[in-house]
Amino acid sequence: MDSQLKRGLVEYCVLANLAEGDSYGYEIVKSISKLMPITESTLYPILKRLEQQQKVKTYSKEHNGRLRKYYRITGEGRNSIADFLVSWGEVEKIHQYIKGSVENG
């Protein structure tokens, strides 16, 4: 998969994961890795960018005597998912065009 396309999809996968409930980095990686390969070194810059865009918020919580950073989706993050789902229809039309061109080519 093209790296630019994958990058955009990973962001929405992160937001979708957080829409299911608050989570922390390692758990997000485990969940998303079922769909596409992702590492923590890929995830954390994405989470930082989503936080800067106010699509996620963070908080810390103690776990086994250590503080763990959790991520929570915001209203802006939920709006971003909704916009993505609306625009996906346009992506599907482009996909069908390309597929049809190749098959009929």
N, C-alpha and C. Protein backbone atom coordinates (compact mmCIF):
# COMPACT_ATOMS: atom_id res chain seq x y z
N MET A 1 0.85 -1.17 0.00
CA MET A 1 0.00 0.00 0.00
C MET A 1 0.90 1.24 0.00
N ASP A 2 0.51 2.23 -0.75
CA ASP A 2 1.23 3.48 -0.83
C ASP A 2 1.38 4.10 0.57
N SER A 3 2.56 4.60 0.88
CA SER A 3 2.82 5.11 2.23
C SER A 3 1.94 6.32 2.58
N GLN A 4 1.68 7.20 1.62
CA GLN A 4 0.82 8.37 1.89
C GLN A 4 -0.62 7.94 2.19
N LEU A 5 -1.12 7.00 1.41
CA LEU A 5 -2.47 6.50 1.63
C LEU A 5 -2.54 5.80 2.99
N LYS A 6 -1.54 4.97 3.28
CA LYS A 6 -1.50 4.26 4.55
C LYS A 6 -1.46 5.24 5.72
N ARG A 7 -0.66 6.29 5.59
CA ARG A 7 -0.54 7.28 6.67
C ARG A 7 -1.89 7.88 7.03
N GLY A 8 -2.64 8.27 6.01
CA GLY A 8 -3.96 8.83 6.26
C GLY A 8 -4.91 7.83 6.88
N LEU A 9 -4.86 6.60 6.40
CA LEU A 9 -5.74 5.58 6.94
C LEU A 9 -5.39 5.22 8.38
N VAL A 10 -4.11 5.23 8.70
CA VAL A 10 -3.70 4.93 10.07
C VAL A 10 -4.28 5.96 11.03
N GLU A 11 -4.26 7.22 10.65
CA GLU A 11 -4.84 8.25 11.52
C GLU A 11 -6.31 7.97 11.81
N TYR A 12 -7.06 7.59 10.79
CA TYR A 12 -8.47 7.30 11.01
C TYR A 12 -8.66 6.01 11.80
N CYS A 13 -7.78 5.04 11.62
CA CYS A 13 -7.84 3.82 12.43
C CYS A 13 -7.59 4.14 13.89
N VAL A 14 -6.65 5.03 14.17
CA VAL A 14 -6.37 5.45 15.55
C VAL A 14 -7.60 6.12 16.14
N LEU A 15 -8.19 7.04 15.40
CA LEU A 15 -9.39 7.72 15.89
C LEU A 15 -10.54 6.74 16.11
N ALA A 16 -10.70 5.79 15.17
CA ALA A 16 -11.77 4.80 15.32
C ALA A 16 -11.52 3.93 16.54
N ASN A 17 -10.27 3.56 16.77
CA ASN A 17 -9.93 2.78 17.95
C ASN A 17 -10.30 3.53 19.21
N LEU A 18 -9.98 4.81 19.25
CA LEU A 18 -10.29 5.62 20.43
C LEU A 18 -11.78 5.90 20.57
N ALA A 19 -12.51 5.85 19.46
CA ALA A 19 -13.97 6.02 19.53
C ALA A 19 -14.60 4.86 20.30
N GLU A 20 -13.90 3.72 20.35
CA GLU A 20 -14.39 2.56 21.11
C GLU A 20 -14.11 2.72 22.60
N GLY A 21 -13.18 3.62 22.94
CA GLY A 21 -12.84 3.85 24.34
C GLY A 21 -11.42 4.34 24.48
N ASP A 22 -11.13 4.98 25.59
CA ASP A 22 -9.78 5.49 25.84
C ASP A 22 -8.78 4.34 25.82
N SER A 23 -7.57 4.65 25.40
CA SER A 23 -6.55 3.61 25.30
C SER A 23 -5.17 4.23 25.41
N TYR A 24 -4.16 3.39 25.44
CA TYR A 24 -2.77 3.84 25.50
C TYR A 24 -2.01 3.22 24.32
N GLY A 25 -0.82 3.74 24.07
CA GLY A 25 -0.08 3.41 22.86
C GLY A 25 0.04 1.93 22.52
N TYR A 26 0.53 1.13 23.45
CA TYR A 26 0.75 -0.28 23.16
C TYR A 26 -0.55 -0.99 22.77
N GLU A 27 -1.63 -0.68 23.47
CA GLU A 27 -2.92 -1.30 23.15
C GLU A 27 -3.43 -0.86 21.77
N ILE A 28 -3.21 0.40 21.44
CA ILE A 28 -3.62 0.89 20.12
C ILE A 28 -2.85 0.16 19.03
N VAL A 29 -1.54 -0.01 19.22
CA VAL A 29 -0.71 -0.73 18.24
C VAL A 29 -1.22 -2.15 18.08
N LYS A 30 -1.50 -2.85 19.19
CA LYS A 30 -2.00 -4.22 19.11
C LYS A 30 -3.30 -4.30 18.32
N SER A 31 -4.18 -3.36 18.56
CA SER A 31 -5.48 -3.37 17.90
C SER A 31 -5.37 -3.09 16.40
N ILE A 32 -4.63 -2.05 16.05
CA ILE A 32 -4.52 -1.64 14.65
C ILE A 32 -3.69 -2.63 13.85
N SER A 33 -2.73 -3.29 14.51
CA SER A 33 -1.87 -4.25 13.81
C SER A 33 -2.65 -5.41 13.22
N LYS A 34 -3.87 -5.62 13.69
CA LYS A 34 -4.73 -6.66 13.11
C LYS A 34 -5.15 -6.28 11.69
N LEU A 35 -5.16 -4.98 11.40
CA LEU A 35 -5.56 -4.47 10.08
C LEU A 35 -4.37 -4.18 9.17
N MET A 36 -3.34 -3.56 9.74
CA MET A 36 -2.16 -3.18 8.97
C MET A 36 -0.97 -3.10 9.91
N PRO A 37 0.21 -3.37 9.40
CA PRO A 37 1.38 -3.30 10.27
C PRO A 37 1.63 -1.87 10.76
N ILE A 38 1.88 -1.74 12.05
CA ILE A 38 2.18 -0.44 12.65
C ILE A 38 3.06 -0.67 13.87
N THR A 39 3.97 0.23 14.10
CA THR A 39 4.85 0.15 15.26
C THR A 39 4.59 1.35 16.16
N GLU A 40 5.09 1.26 17.38
CA GLU A 40 4.93 2.38 18.30
C GLU A 40 5.65 3.62 17.78
N SER A 41 6.77 3.41 17.09
CA SER A 41 7.51 4.57 16.55
C SER A 41 6.73 5.26 15.44
N THR A 42 5.82 4.57 14.81
CA THR A 42 4.93 5.18 13.82
C THR A 42 3.74 5.83 14.52
N LEU A 43 3.23 5.16 15.54
CA LEU A 43 2.02 5.62 16.22
C LEU A 43 2.20 6.93 16.97
N TYR A 44 3.28 7.05 17.75
CA TYR A 44 3.38 8.21 18.64
C TYR A 44 3.44 9.56 17.91
N PRO A 45 4.12 9.67 16.78
CA PRO A 45 4.03 10.95 16.04
C PRO A 45 2.60 11.25 15.55
N ILE A 46 1.87 10.19 15.19
CA ILE A 46 0.48 10.37 14.76
C ILE A 46 -0.36 10.86 15.93
N LEU A 47 -0.18 10.24 17.09
CA LEU A 47 -0.93 10.67 18.27
C LEU A 47 -0.59 12.12 18.64
N LYS A 48 0.67 12.48 18.53
CA LYS A 48 1.09 13.85 18.83
C LYS A 48 0.41 14.84 17.87
N ARG A 49 0.39 14.48 16.57
CA ARG A 49 -0.25 15.34 15.57
C ARG A 49 -1.76 15.45 15.84
N LEU A 50 -2.40 14.33 16.17
CA LEU A 50 -3.83 14.35 16.47
C LEU A 50 -4.11 15.20 17.72
N GLU A 51 -3.20 15.17 18.67
CA GLU A 51 -3.36 15.99 19.87
C GLU A 51 -3.21 17.47 19.52
N GLN A 52 -2.25 17.81 18.67
CA GLN A 52 -2.07 19.19 18.25
C GLN A 52 -3.28 19.70 17.46
N GLN A 53 -3.92 18.80 16.73
CA GLN A 53 -5.11 19.16 15.96
C GLN A 53 -6.38 19.12 16.82
N GLN A 54 -6.21 18.84 18.09
CA GLN A 54 -7.29 18.77 19.08
C GLN A 54 -8.31 17.68 18.75
N LYS A 55 -7.83 16.62 18.10
CA LYS A 55 -8.70 15.48 17.80
C LYS A 55 -8.63 14.42 18.90
N VAL A 56 -7.56 14.49 19.71
CA VAL A 56 -7.44 13.64 20.89
C VAL A 56 -6.92 14.48 22.05
N LYS A 57 -7.24 14.02 23.25
CA LYS A 57 -6.71 14.61 24.47
C LYS A 57 -6.00 13.50 25.25
N THR A 58 -5.09 13.89 26.11
CA THR A 58 -4.36 12.91 26.90
C THR A 58 -4.59 13.13 28.38
N TYR A 59 -4.39 12.07 29.11
CA TYR A 59 -4.38 12.13 30.57
C TYR A 59 -3.53 10.96 31.06
N SER A 60 -3.04 11.07 32.28
CA SER A 60 -2.22 10.01 32.86
C SER A 60 -2.98 9.31 33.96
N LYS A 61 -2.69 8.02 34.08
CA LYS A 61 -3.34 7.19 35.09
C LYS A 61 -2.31 6.19 35.60
N GLU A 62 -2.32 5.95 36.88
CA GLU A 62 -1.35 5.02 37.46
C GLU A 62 -1.72 3.58 37.11
N HIS A 63 -0.69 2.82 36.73
CA HIS A 63 -0.85 1.40 36.43
C HIS A 63 0.40 0.68 36.92
N ASN A 64 0.25 -0.24 37.86
CA ASN A 64 1.38 -0.97 38.44
C ASN A 64 2.47 -0.03 38.95
N GLY A 65 2.07 1.03 39.62
CA GLY A 65 3.01 1.95 40.22
C GLY A 65 3.65 2.96 39.28
N ARG A 66 3.25 2.93 38.01
CA ARG A 66 3.80 3.87 37.02
C ARG A 66 2.66 4.63 36.36
N LEU A 67 2.97 5.83 35.91
CA LEU A 67 1.97 6.60 35.18
C LEU A 67 1.93 6.14 33.73
N ARG A 68 0.74 5.93 33.23
CA ARG A 68 0.54 5.53 31.83
C ARG A 68 -0.25 6.63 31.15
N LYS A 69 0.18 7.01 29.95
CA LYS A 69 -0.49 8.06 29.20
C LYS A 69 -1.63 7.45 28.37
N TYR A 70 -2.83 7.95 28.60
CA TYR A 70 -4.01 7.50 27.87
C TYR A 70 -4.45 8.58 26.88
N TYR A 71 -5.11 8.13 25.85
CA TYR A 71 -5.62 9.01 24.81
C TYR A 71 -7.13 8.86 24.74
N ARG A 72 -7.80 10.01 24.53
CA ARG A 72 -9.26 10.04 24.45
C ARG A 72 -9.64 10.86 23.21
N ILE A 73 -10.56 10.36 22.43
CA ILE A 73 -11.02 11.10 21.25
C ILE A 73 -11.87 12.29 21.70
N THR A 74 -11.78 13.37 20.95
CA THR A 74 -12.57 14.58 21.25
C THR A 74 -13.72 14.68 20.24
N GLY A 75 -14.55 15.68 20.43
CA GLY A 75 -15.62 15.94 19.45
C GLY A 75 -15.04 16.23 18.08
N GLU A 76 -13.93 16.96 18.05
CA GLU A 76 -13.25 17.26 16.78
C GLU A 76 -12.78 15.96 16.10
N GLY A 77 -12.29 15.02 16.89
CA GLY A 77 -11.88 13.73 16.35
C GLY A 77 -13.06 12.95 15.78
N ARG A 78 -14.16 12.99 16.48
CA ARG A 78 -15.38 12.30 15.99
C ARG A 78 -15.88 12.96 14.70
N ASN A 79 -15.81 14.30 14.65
CA ASN A 79 -16.21 15.01 13.43
C ASN A 79 -15.29 14.62 12.26
N SER A 80 -14.02 14.45 12.55
CA SER A 80 -13.06 14.07 11.52
C SER A 80 -13.41 12.69 10.94
N ILE A 81 -13.80 11.75 11.81
CA ILE A 81 -14.22 10.42 11.34
C ILE A 81 -15.46 10.56 10.47
N ALA A 82 -16.41 11.36 10.90
CA ALA A 82 -17.65 11.54 10.13
C ALA A 82 -17.35 12.12 8.76
N ASP A 83 -16.47 13.11 8.70
CA ASP A 83 -16.08 13.70 7.41
C ASP A 83 -15.40 12.66 6.51
N PHE A 84 -14.54 11.85 7.11
CA PHE A 84 -13.86 10.80 6.37
C PHE A 84 -14.87 9.82 5.76
N LEU A 85 -15.84 9.42 6.55
CA LEU A 85 -16.83 8.46 6.06
C LEU A 85 -17.66 9.04 4.91
N VAL A 86 -17.97 10.32 4.99
CA VAL A 86 -18.72 10.97 3.90
C VAL A 86 -17.87 11.02 2.64
N SER A 87 -16.60 11.40 2.79
CA SER A 87 -15.74 11.53 1.61
C SER A 87 -15.29 10.19 1.05
N TRP A 88 -15.44 9.12 1.80
CA TRP A 88 -15.00 7.81 1.31
C TRP A 88 -15.78 7.41 0.06
N GLY A 89 -17.00 7.85 -0.08
CA GLY A 89 -17.77 7.56 -1.30
C GLY A 89 -17.07 8.07 -2.54
N GLU A 90 -16.43 9.22 -2.43
CA GLU A 90 -15.67 9.77 -3.55
C GLU A 90 -14.45 8.90 -3.86
N VAL A 91 -13.81 8.39 -2.82
CA VAL A 91 -12.65 7.51 -3.01
C VAL A 91 -13.10 6.23 -3.71
N GLU A 92 -14.25 5.70 -3.34
CA GLU A 92 -14.77 4.49 -3.97
C GLU A 92 -15.05 4.72 -5.46
N LYS A 93 -15.57 5.89 -5.82
CA LYS A 93 -15.81 6.21 -7.23
C LYS A 93 -14.51 6.23 -8.02
N ILE A 94 -13.48 6.81 -7.43
CA ILE A 94 -12.16 6.85 -8.09
C ILE A 94 -11.61 5.44 -8.22
N HIS A 95 -11.76 4.63 -7.19
CA HIS A 95 -11.32 3.24 -7.23
C HIS A 95 -12.01 2.48 -8.35
N GLN A 96 -13.32 2.65 -8.46
CA GLN A 96 -14.08 1.97 -9.51
C GLN A 96 -13.63 2.43 -10.90
N TYR A 97 -13.36 3.71 -11.05
CA TYR A 97 -12.88 4.24 -12.33
C TYR A 97 -11.55 3.61 -12.70
N ILE A 98 -10.63 3.60 -11.76
CA ILE A 98 -9.30 3.03 -12.03
C ILE A 98 -9.42 1.54 -12.32
N LYS A 99 -10.17 0.85 -11.54
CA LYS A 99 -10.36 -0.59 -11.74
C LYS A 99 -10.99 -0.87 -13.09
N GLY A 100 -12.02 -0.11 -13.45
CA GLY A 100 -12.67 -0.30 -14.74
C GLY A 100 -11.73 0.00 -15.91
N SER A 101 -10.92 1.02 -15.76
CA SER A 101 -9.96 1.38 -16.83
C SER A 101 -8.95 0.28 -17.05
N VAL A 102 -8.48 -0.32 -15.97
CA VAL A 102 -7.49 -1.38 -16.07
C VAL A 102 -8.12 -2.65 -16.65
N GLU A 103 -9.33 -2.98 -16.21
CA GLU A 103 -9.99 -4.18 -16.68
C GLU A 103 -10.42 -4.07 -18.14
N ASN A 104 -10.80 -2.86 -18.56
CA ASN A 104 -11.28 -2.67 -19.93
C ASN A 104 -10.17 -2.22 -20.87
N GLY A 105 -9.01 -1.92 -20.28
CA GLY A 105 -7.89 -1.31 -20.95
C GLY A 105 -7.40 -1.91 -22.17
